[in-house]
Amino acid sequence: MNRLLLLIPLFFSVSAEAQPQVVNFKELQQFLPQGNLGTYVRGKTDGETSTMMGFTTSWSQVTYSSSSDSCRCTVSIKITDMLNIPSYMSIAPSTSGSSGLQVVSGYRKTVVYNNLSVVETFDSTSHQAKLQVTLATRFLVEIIGEGISNPMTLYSFLDKTDLDGLKRIAQGGTSNQRK
């Protein structure tokens, strides 16, 4: 019996090590677009890894600014690791199937882009556009454009985000393999 009690802490320490961990926000930064994109100048990154009520989440974000003659715009790209949020899929934007909403000043629709379901939102009155992509029921990638006249602008930022690297992590890979 005493030998069995000695093995219990060993069992729990091995089990804890086998569990996937939330990616630290500093590591998530490597999956954000790097460098300037066209007339958009890359700003500083921001992020945090935090634990609340026993659940750990992590996010990292970068904002691009453009002050060209045709656009005084900003684009923010945010990656959130929702691994430890058990009800994440029930609150995540719906990215499965086809859906849409049309209003006077814009729309919200689900589109397929490069084999990804993307929720695209656009408001022509406020000139705000948003893309949301859920990867492997774990990562939420949000791209928000302010002062945007065409939501297609945001897809170039989505293309420069290392989605394949995030998928590798979700499948148990490491975060140090940027494509």
C-alpha atoms as a PDB file:
ATOM      1  CA  MET A   1       0.000   0.000   0.000  1.00  0.00           C
ATOM      2  CA  ASN A   2       2.813   2.437   0.867  1.00  0.00           C
ATOM      3  CA  ARG A   3       4.470   1.743  -2.477  1.00  0.00           C
ATOM      4  CA  LEU A   4       1.243   2.581  -4.287  1.00  0.00           C
ATOM      5  CA  LEU A   5       0.999   5.915  -2.455  1.00  0.00           C
ATOM      6  CA  LEU A   6       4.551   6.742  -3.519  1.00  0.00           C
ATOM      7  CA  LEU A   7       3.610   6.242  -7.181  1.00  0.00           C
ATOM      8  CA  ILE A   8       0.591   8.585  -7.114  1.00  0.00           C
ATOM      9  CA  PRO A   9       2.639  11.830  -7.336  1.00  0.00           C
ATOM     10  CA  LEU A  10       4.687  10.315 -10.167  1.00  0.00           C
ATOM     11  CA  PHE A  11       1.499   9.451 -12.077  1.00  0.00           C
ATOM     12  CA  PHE A  12       0.105  12.975 -11.755  1.00  0.00           C
ATOM     13  CA  SER A  13       3.384  14.651 -12.765  1.00  0.00           C
ATOM     14  CA  VAL A  14       3.615  12.503 -15.911  1.00  0.00           C
ATOM     15  CA  SER A  15      -0.038  13.224 -16.760  1.00  0.00           C
ATOM     16  CA  ALA A  16       0.475  16.960 -16.360  1.00  0.00           C
ATOM     17  CA  GLU A  17       3.459  16.938 -18.713  1.00  0.00           C
ATOM     18  CA  ALA A  18       1.505  15.115 -21.426  1.00  0.00           C
ATOM     19  CA  GLN A  19      -1.189  17.813 -21.562  1.00  0.00           C
ATOM     20  CA  PRO A  20      -0.849  20.451 -24.311  1.00  0.00           C
ATOM     21  CA  GLN A  21      -0.030  23.912 -23.050  1.00  0.00           C
ATOM     22  CA  VAL A  22      -1.214  27.330 -24.181  1.00  0.00           C
ATOM     23  CA  VAL A  23       1.383  29.006 -26.388  1.00  0.00           C
ATOM     24  CA  ASN A  24       3.026  31.936 -24.599  1.00  0.00           C
ATOM     25  CA  PHE A  25       2.125  35.294 -26.161  1.00  0.00           C
ATOM     26  CA  LYS A  26       5.776  35.972 -27.031  1.00  0.00           C
ATOM     27  CA  GLU A  27       5.859  32.767 -29.085  1.00  0.00           C
ATOM     28  CA  LEU A  28       2.542  33.645 -30.782  1.00  0.00           C
ATOM     29  CA  GLN A  29       4.137  36.860 -32.082  1.00  0.00           C
ATOM     30  CA  GLN A  30       6.205  34.892 -34.611  1.00  0.00           C
ATOM     31  CA  PHE A  31       2.990  33.837 -36.406  1.00  0.00           C
ATOM     32  CA  LEU A  32       1.879  37.441 -36.973  1.00  0.00           C
ATOM     33  CA  PRO A  33       2.804  39.103 -40.279  1.00  0.00           C
ATOM     34  CA  GLN A  34       6.400  40.335 -40.314  1.00  0.00           C
ATOM     35  CA  GLY A  35       7.612  43.614 -41.820  1.00  0.00           C
ATOM     36  CA  ASN A  36       5.643  46.289 -43.651  1.00  0.00           C
ATOM     37  CA  LEU A  37       2.907  45.387 -46.141  1.00  0.00           C
ATOM     38  CA  GLY A  38       2.618  47.798 -49.065  1.00  0.00           C
ATOM     39  CA  THR A  39       1.785  51.242 -47.671  1.00  0.00           C
ATOM     40  CA  TYR A  40       1.064  49.748 -44.235  1.00  0.00           C
ATOM     41  CA  VAL A  41       3.786  50.233 -41.618  1.00  0.00           C
ATOM     42  CA  ARG A  42       4.067  47.605 -38.893  1.00  0.00           C
ATOM     43  CA  GLY A  43       3.735  48.839 -35.317  1.00  0.00           C
ATOM     44  CA  LYS A  44       4.818  47.196 -32.091  1.00  0.00           C
ATOM     45  CA  THR A  45       3.377  43.899 -30.945  1.00  0.00           C
ATOM     46  CA  ASP A  46       1.357  43.483 -27.791  1.00  0.00           C
ATOM     47  CA  GLY A  47       0.022  40.457 -25.953  1.00  0.00           C
ATOM     48  CA  GLU A  48      -0.417  38.544 -22.748  1.00  0.00           C
ATOM     49  CA  THR A  49      -0.730  35.095 -21.279  1.00  0.00           C
ATOM     50  CA  SER A  50      -3.095  35.027 -18.333  1.00  0.00           C
ATOM     51  CA  THR A  51      -4.897  32.607 -16.072  1.00  0.00           C
ATOM     52  CA  MET A  52      -8.332  33.264 -14.660  1.00  0.00           C
ATOM     53  CA  MET A  53     -10.465  30.803 -12.717  1.00  0.00           C
ATOM     54  CA  GLY A  54      -8.059  28.009 -13.614  1.00  0.00           C
ATOM     55  CA  PHE A  55      -8.122  28.606 -17.392  1.00  0.00           C
ATOM     56  CA  THR A  56      -5.111  29.954 -19.245  1.00  0.00           C
ATOM     57  CA  THR A  57      -5.398  31.903 -22.482  1.00  0.00           C
ATOM     58  CA  SER A  58      -2.863  33.750 -24.546  1.00  0.00           C
ATOM     59  CA  TRP A  59      -3.053  36.389 -27.256  1.00  0.00           C
ATOM     60  CA  SER A  60      -0.691  38.423 -29.371  1.00  0.00           C
ATOM     61  CA  GLN A  61      -1.474  41.364 -31.644  1.00  0.00           C
ATOM     62  CA  VAL A  62       0.147  43.805 -34.037  1.00  0.00           C
ATOM     63  CA  THR A  63      -1.292  46.940 -35.643  1.00  0.00           C
ATOM     64  CA  TYR A  64      -0.393  48.336 -39.051  1.00  0.00           C
ATOM     65  CA  SER A  65      -0.986  51.963 -40.057  1.00  0.00           C
ATOM     66  CA  SER A  66      -1.247  53.562 -43.473  1.00  0.00           C
ATOM     67  CA  SER A  67      -1.275  57.273 -44.122  1.00  0.00           C
ATOM     68  CA  SER A  68      -1.240  57.188 -47.894  1.00  0.00           C
ATOM     69  CA  ASP A  69      -3.184  59.778 -49.857  1.00  0.00           C
ATOM     70  CA  SER A  70      -5.998  57.306 -50.509  1.00  0.00           C
ATOM     71  CA  CYS A  71      -6.291  55.800 -47.013  1.00  0.00           C
ATOM     72  CA  ARG A  72      -5.720  56.758 -43.397  1.00  0.00           C
ATOM     73  CA  CYS A  73      -6.282  53.236 -42.183  1.00  0.00           C
ATOM     74  CA  THR A  74      -5.247  50.808 -39.470  1.00  0.00           C
ATOM     75  CA  VAL A  75      -5.277  47.040 -39.559  1.00  0.00           C
ATOM     76  CA  SER A  76      -4.911  44.958 -36.388  1.00  0.00           C
ATOM     77  CA  ILE A  77      -4.127  41.247 -36.436  1.00  0.00           C
ATOM     78  CA  LYS A  78      -4.781  39.281 -33.246  1.00  0.00           C
ATOM     79  CA  ILE A  79      -4.121  35.597 -32.586  1.00  0.00           C
ATOM     80  CA  THR A  80      -5.739  34.049 -29.500  1.00  0.00           C
ATOM     81  CA  ASP A  81      -4.927  30.583 -28.140  1.00  0.00           C
ATOM     82  CA  MET A  82      -8.159  29.311 -26.584  1.00  0.00           C
ATOM     83  CA  LEU A  83      -6.900  25.796 -25.793  1.00  0.00           C
ATOM     84  CA  ASN A  84      -8.075  25.705 -22.179  1.00  0.00           C
ATOM     85  CA  ILE A  85     -11.486  27.269 -22.652  1.00  0.00           C
ATOM     86  CA  PRO A  86     -13.858  24.275 -22.682  1.00  0.00           C
ATOM     87  CA  SER A  87     -16.801  26.162 -24.157  1.00  0.00           C
ATOM     88  CA  TYR A  88     -14.687  27.990 -26.759  1.00  0.00           C
ATOM     89  CA  MET A  89     -16.473  26.471 -29.729  1.00  0.00           C
ATOM     90  CA  SER A  90     -19.864  27.521 -28.410  1.00  0.00           C
ATOM     91  CA  ILE A  91     -18.783  31.198 -28.276  1.00  0.00           C
ATOM     92  CA  ALA A  92     -16.443  31.252 -31.288  1.00  0.00           C
ATOM     93  CA  PRO A  93     -17.671  32.862 -34.466  1.00  0.00           C
ATOM     94  CA  SER A  94     -19.451  30.345 -36.618  1.00  0.00           C
ATOM     95  CA  THR A  95     -17.060  29.372 -39.379  1.00  0.00           C
ATOM     96  CA  SER A  96     -18.719  26.197 -40.532  1.00  0.00           C
ATOM     97  CA  GLY A  97     -21.203  25.990 -43.332  1.00  0.00           C
ATOM     98  CA  SER A  98     -22.542  28.877 -45.313  1.00  0.00           C
ATOM     99  CA  SER A  99     -24.240  31.790 -43.604  1.00  0.00           C
ATOM    100  CA  GLY A 100     -24.853  35.428 -44.232  1.00  0.00           C
ATOM    101  CA  LEU A 101     -26.502  38.594 -42.988  1.00  0.00           C
ATOM    102  CA  GLN A 102     -27.176  41.638 -45.131  1.00  0.00           C
ATOM    103  CA  VAL A 103     -27.975  45.037 -43.584  1.00  0.00           C
ATOM    104  CA  VAL A 104     -28.318  48.540 -45.023  1.00  0.00           C
ATOM    105  CA  SER A 105     -24.717  49.529 -44.317  1.00  0.00           C
ATOM    106  CA  GLY A 106     -22.941  46.204 -44.816  1.00  0.00           C
ATOM    107  CA  TYR A 107     -22.918  42.469 -44.308  1.00  0.00           C
ATOM    108  CA  ARG A 108     -21.611  39.468 -42.429  1.00  0.00           C
ATOM    109  CA  LYS A 109     -20.974  36.291 -44.368  1.00  0.00           C
ATOM    110  CA  THR A 110     -18.986  33.091 -44.242  1.00  0.00           C
ATOM    111  CA  VAL A 111     -16.712  32.558 -47.209  1.00  0.00           C
ATOM    112  CA  VAL A 112     -14.193  29.901 -48.176  1.00  0.00           C
ATOM    113  CA  TYR A 113     -10.716  31.311 -48.787  1.00  0.00           C
ATOM    114  CA  ASN A 114      -7.682  29.061 -49.373  1.00  0.00           C
ATOM    115  CA  ASN A 115      -9.626  26.103 -47.917  1.00  0.00           C
ATOM    116  CA  LEU A 116     -10.466  28.086 -44.757  1.00  0.00           C
ATOM    117  CA  SER A 117     -13.864  29.150 -43.507  1.00  0.00           C
ATOM    118  CA  VAL A 118     -13.622  32.889 -42.957  1.00  0.00           C
ATOM    119  CA  VAL A 119     -16.268  35.079 -41.341  1.00  0.00           C
ATOM    120  CA  GLU A 120     -16.116  38.385 -43.230  1.00  0.00           C
ATOM    121  CA  THR A 121     -17.866  41.464 -41.873  1.00  0.00           C
ATOM    122  CA  PHE A 122     -18.017  44.875 -43.492  1.00  0.00           C
ATOM    123  CA  ASP A 123     -19.749  48.134 -42.543  1.00  0.00           C
ATOM    124  CA  SER A 124     -19.607  50.781 -45.268  1.00  0.00           C
ATOM    125  CA  THR A 125     -20.805  53.555 -42.938  1.00  0.00           C
ATOM    126  CA  SER A 126     -18.036  53.149 -40.367  1.00  0.00           C
ATOM    127  CA  HIS A 127     -15.521  51.802 -42.930  1.00  0.00           C
ATOM    128  CA  GLN A 128     -14.763  48.897 -40.654  1.00  0.00           C
ATOM    129  CA  ALA A 129     -14.024  45.387 -41.899  1.00  0.00           C
ATOM    130  CA  LYS A 130     -13.247  42.201 -39.983  1.00  0.00           C
ATOM    131  CA  LEU A 131     -12.083  38.680 -40.814  1.00  0.00           C
ATOM    132  CA  GLN A 132     -12.307  35.847 -38.287  1.00  0.00           C
ATOM    133  CA  VAL A 133     -10.780  32.409 -38.759  1.00  0.00           C
ATOM    134  CA  THR A 134     -10.901  29.547 -36.262  1.00  0.00           C
ATOM    135  CA  LEU A 135      -8.053  27.061 -36.682  1.00  0.00           C
ATOM    136  CA  ALA A 136      -8.229  23.512 -35.348  1.00  0.00           C
ATOM    137  CA  THR A 137     -10.850  24.506 -32.718  1.00  0.00           C
ATOM    138  CA  ARG A 138      -8.025  26.192 -30.840  1.00  0.00           C
ATOM    139  CA  PHE A 139      -6.748  29.419 -32.392  1.00  0.00           C
ATOM    140  CA  LEU A 140      -8.862  32.433 -33.267  1.00  0.00           C
ATOM    141  CA  VAL A 141      -7.305  34.797 -35.809  1.00  0.00           C
ATOM    142  CA  GLU A 142      -9.009  38.184 -36.062  1.00  0.00           C
ATOM    143  CA  ILE A 143      -8.080  40.894 -38.542  1.00  0.00           C
ATOM    144  CA  ILE A 144      -9.825  44.238 -38.063  1.00  0.00           C
ATOM    145  CA  GLY A 145      -9.491  47.149 -40.448  1.00  0.00           C
ATOM    146  CA  GLU A 146     -10.518  50.722 -39.579  1.00  0.00           C
ATOM    147  CA  GLY A 147     -10.961  53.267 -42.365  1.00  0.00           C
ATOM    148  CA  ILE A 148     -11.149  50.453 -44.918  1.00  0.00           C
ATOM    149  CA  SER A 149     -13.220  50.947 -48.081  1.00  0.00           C
ATOM    150  CA  ASN A 150     -12.701  47.400 -49.384  1.00  0.00           C
ATOM    151  CA  PRO A 151     -12.604  44.354 -47.076  1.00  0.00           C
ATOM    152  CA  MET A 152     -10.414  42.505 -49.606  1.00  0.00           C
ATOM    153  CA  THR A 153      -7.522  44.584 -48.210  1.00  0.00           C
ATOM    154  CA  LEU A 154      -7.568  42.382 -45.098  1.00  0.00           C
ATOM    155  CA  TYR A 155      -6.920  39.181 -47.032  1.00  0.00           C
ATOM    156  CA  SER A 156      -3.346  40.261 -47.791  1.00  0.00           C
ATOM    157  CA  PHE A 157      -2.769  40.385 -44.013  1.00  0.00           C
ATOM    158  CA  LEU A 158      -4.371  36.953 -43.613  1.00  0.00           C
ATOM    159  CA  ASP A 159      -2.022  35.623 -46.308  1.00  0.00           C
ATOM    160  CA  LYS A 160       1.003  36.924 -44.363  1.00  0.00           C
ATOM    161  CA  THR A 161      -0.135  35.338 -41.085  1.00  0.00           C
ATOM    162  CA  ASP A 162       1.545  31.962 -40.487  1.00  0.00           C
ATOM    163  CA  LEU A 163      -1.612  29.856 -40.300  1.00  0.00           C
ATOM    164  CA  ASP A 164       0.286  26.677 -41.188  1.00  0.00           C
ATOM    165  CA  GLY A 165       2.513  27.189 -38.155  1.00  0.00           C
ATOM    166  CA  LEU A 166      -0.533  27.551 -35.908  1.00  0.00           C
ATOM    167  CA  LYS A 167      -2.008  24.365 -37.381  1.00  0.00           C
ATOM    168  CA  ARG A 168       1.266  22.532 -36.629  1.00  0.00           C
ATOM    169  CA  ILE A 169       1.022  23.555 -32.974  1.00  0.00           C
ATOM    170  CA  ALA A 170      -2.611  22.464 -32.801  1.00  0.00           C
ATOM    171  CA  GLN A 171      -1.517  19.051 -34.132  1.00  0.00           C
ATOM    172  CA  GLY A 172       1.128  18.718 -31.441  1.00  0.00           C
ATOM    173  CA  GLY A 173       4.087  20.273 -33.238  1.00  0.00           C
ATOM    174  CA  THR A 174       6.446  22.952 -31.974  1.00  0.00           C
ATOM    175  CA  SER A 175       6.178  26.709 -32.337  1.00  0.00           C
ATOM    176  CA  ASN A 176       9.734  27.296 -33.601  1.00  0.00           C
ATOM    177  CA  GLN A 177       9.125  26.278 -37.234  1.00  0.00           C
ATOM    178  CA  ARG A 178       8.035  29.431 -39.097  1.00  0.00           C
ATOM    179  CA  LYS A 179       7.427  28.716 -42.768  1.00  0.00           C
END
